[in-house]
Amino acid sequence: MNEYEQNLLKNVFSVKGIRKLNEILTRDENKSDTLQSLV
C-alpha cells in the first residue's frame, strides 16, 4: 500500500473501498486515471 492509500485508510476509506478503487483503475477504459483522480 502506498503513502496515498495509507492516508485514505487513516482518514476516509476502508481497505475494501481502496481495493474497489484500485480495481476500477485496472480496467482498460480507465488506464489514464489515477487513485487521486478518482477520489
N, C-alpha and C. Protein backbone atom coordinates (compact mmCIF):
# COMPACT_ATOMS: atom_id res chain seq x y z
N MET A 1 0.85 -1.17 0.00
CA MET A 1 0.00 0.00 0.00
C MET A 1 0.90 1.24 0.00
N ASN A 2 0.63 2.13 -0.92
CA ASN A 2 1.46 3.34 -1.00
C ASN A 2 1.02 4.38 0.03
N GLU A 3 1.77 5.46 0.11
CA GLU A 3 1.52 6.50 1.11
C GLU A 3 0.13 7.13 0.95
N TYR A 4 -0.29 7.37 -0.28
CA TYR A 4 -1.61 7.97 -0.52
C TYR A 4 -2.72 7.04 -0.04
N GLU A 5 -2.58 5.74 -0.34
CA GLU A 5 -3.58 4.77 0.10
C GLU A 5 -3.63 4.69 1.63
N GLN A 6 -2.48 4.75 2.28
CA GLN A 6 -2.43 4.72 3.74
C GLN A 6 -3.12 5.94 4.32
N ASN A 7 -2.93 7.09 3.70
CA ASN A 7 -3.60 8.32 4.15
C ASN A 7 -5.12 8.20 4.01
N LEU A 8 -5.57 7.65 2.89
CA LEU A 8 -7.01 7.44 2.71
C LEU A 8 -7.56 6.48 3.75
N LEU A 9 -6.80 5.43 4.04
CA LEU A 9 -7.23 4.44 5.01
C LEU A 9 -7.37 5.06 6.41
N LYS A 10 -6.45 5.93 6.77
CA LYS A 10 -6.50 6.58 8.08
C LYS A 10 -7.66 7.56 8.20
N ASN A 11 -8.03 8.21 7.10
CA ASN A 11 -8.96 9.33 7.18
C ASN A 11 -10.34 9.11 6.59
N VAL A 12 -10.46 8.27 5.58
CA VAL A 12 -11.75 8.23 4.87
C VAL A 12 -12.21 6.81 4.54
N PHE A 13 -11.39 6.05 3.85
CA PHE A 13 -11.81 4.80 3.24
C PHE A 13 -11.45 3.57 4.06
N SER A 14 -12.18 2.49 3.79
CA SER A 14 -11.83 1.19 4.34
C SER A 14 -10.90 0.48 3.36
N VAL A 15 -10.29 -0.61 3.80
CA VAL A 15 -9.44 -1.40 2.92
C VAL A 15 -10.26 -1.88 1.72
N LYS A 16 -11.49 -2.30 1.97
CA LYS A 16 -12.37 -2.76 0.89
C LYS A 16 -12.62 -1.65 -0.13
N GLY A 17 -12.84 -0.43 0.34
CA GLY A 17 -13.07 0.69 -0.56
C GLY A 17 -11.86 1.00 -1.42
N ILE A 18 -10.68 0.95 -0.82
CA ILE A 18 -9.44 1.20 -1.57
C ILE A 18 -9.22 0.11 -2.61
N ARG A 19 -9.50 -1.14 -2.25
CA ARG A 19 -9.38 -2.23 -3.23
C ARG A 19 -10.31 -2.01 -4.41
N LYS A 20 -11.54 -1.58 -4.13
CA LYS A 20 -12.51 -1.34 -5.20
C LYS A 20 -12.03 -0.24 -6.14
N LEU A 21 -11.48 0.85 -5.57
CA LEU A 21 -10.94 1.92 -6.41
C LEU A 21 -9.80 1.41 -7.28
N ASN A 22 -8.93 0.58 -6.71
CA ASN A 22 -7.82 0.03 -7.49
C ASN A 22 -8.31 -0.92 -8.58
N GLU A 23 -9.40 -1.65 -8.33
CA GLU A 23 -9.99 -2.49 -9.37
C GLU A 23 -10.49 -1.64 -10.53
N ILE A 24 -11.10 -0.52 -10.22
CA ILE A 24 -11.57 0.40 -11.27
C ILE A 24 -10.40 0.89 -12.10
N LEU A 25 -9.28 1.17 -11.45
CA LEU A 25 -8.10 1.68 -12.17
C LEU A 25 -7.49 0.65 -13.11
N THR A 26 -7.69 -0.63 -12.84
CA THR A 26 -7.08 -1.66 -13.68
C THR A 26 -7.91 -1.99 -14.93
N ARG A 27 -9.10 -1.44 -15.03
CA ARG A 27 -9.93 -1.65 -16.22
C ARG A 27 -9.32 -0.91 -17.41
N ASP A 28 -9.45 -1.47 -18.58
CA ASP A 28 -8.85 -0.91 -19.79
C ASP A 28 -9.28 0.52 -20.09
N GLU A 29 -10.55 0.83 -19.89
CA GLU A 29 -11.03 2.16 -20.25
C GLU A 29 -10.55 3.25 -19.29
N ASN A 30 -9.94 2.86 -18.19
CA ASN A 30 -9.51 3.84 -17.19
C ASN A 30 -8.00 3.91 -17.03
N LYS A 31 -7.25 3.52 -18.03
CA LYS A 31 -5.79 3.47 -17.91
C LYS A 31 -5.17 4.82 -17.59
N SER A 32 -5.79 5.92 -17.97
CA SER A 32 -5.21 7.24 -17.72
C SER A 32 -5.59 7.78 -16.34
N ASP A 33 -6.53 7.13 -15.64
CA ASP A 33 -6.94 7.59 -14.32
C ASP A 33 -5.93 7.19 -13.25
N THR A 34 -5.91 7.95 -12.18
CA THR A 34 -5.09 7.62 -11.01
C THR A 34 -6.00 7.55 -9.80
N LEU A 35 -5.49 7.02 -8.73
CA LEU A 35 -6.27 6.96 -7.50
C LEU A 35 -6.68 8.36 -7.05
N GLN A 36 -5.78 9.30 -7.17
CA GLN A 36 -6.09 10.68 -6.79
C GLN A 36 -7.20 11.26 -7.65
N SER A 37 -7.24 10.93 -8.93
CA SER A 37 -8.28 11.49 -9.79
C SER A 37 -9.65 10.87 -9.49
N LEU A 38 -9.68 9.65 -8.99
CA LEU A 38 -10.95 9.03 -8.62
C LEU A 38 -11.51 9.59 -7.33
N VAL A 39 -10.61 9.94 -6.42
CA VAL A 39 -11.03 10.45 -5.12
C VAL A 39 -11.33 11.90 -5.27
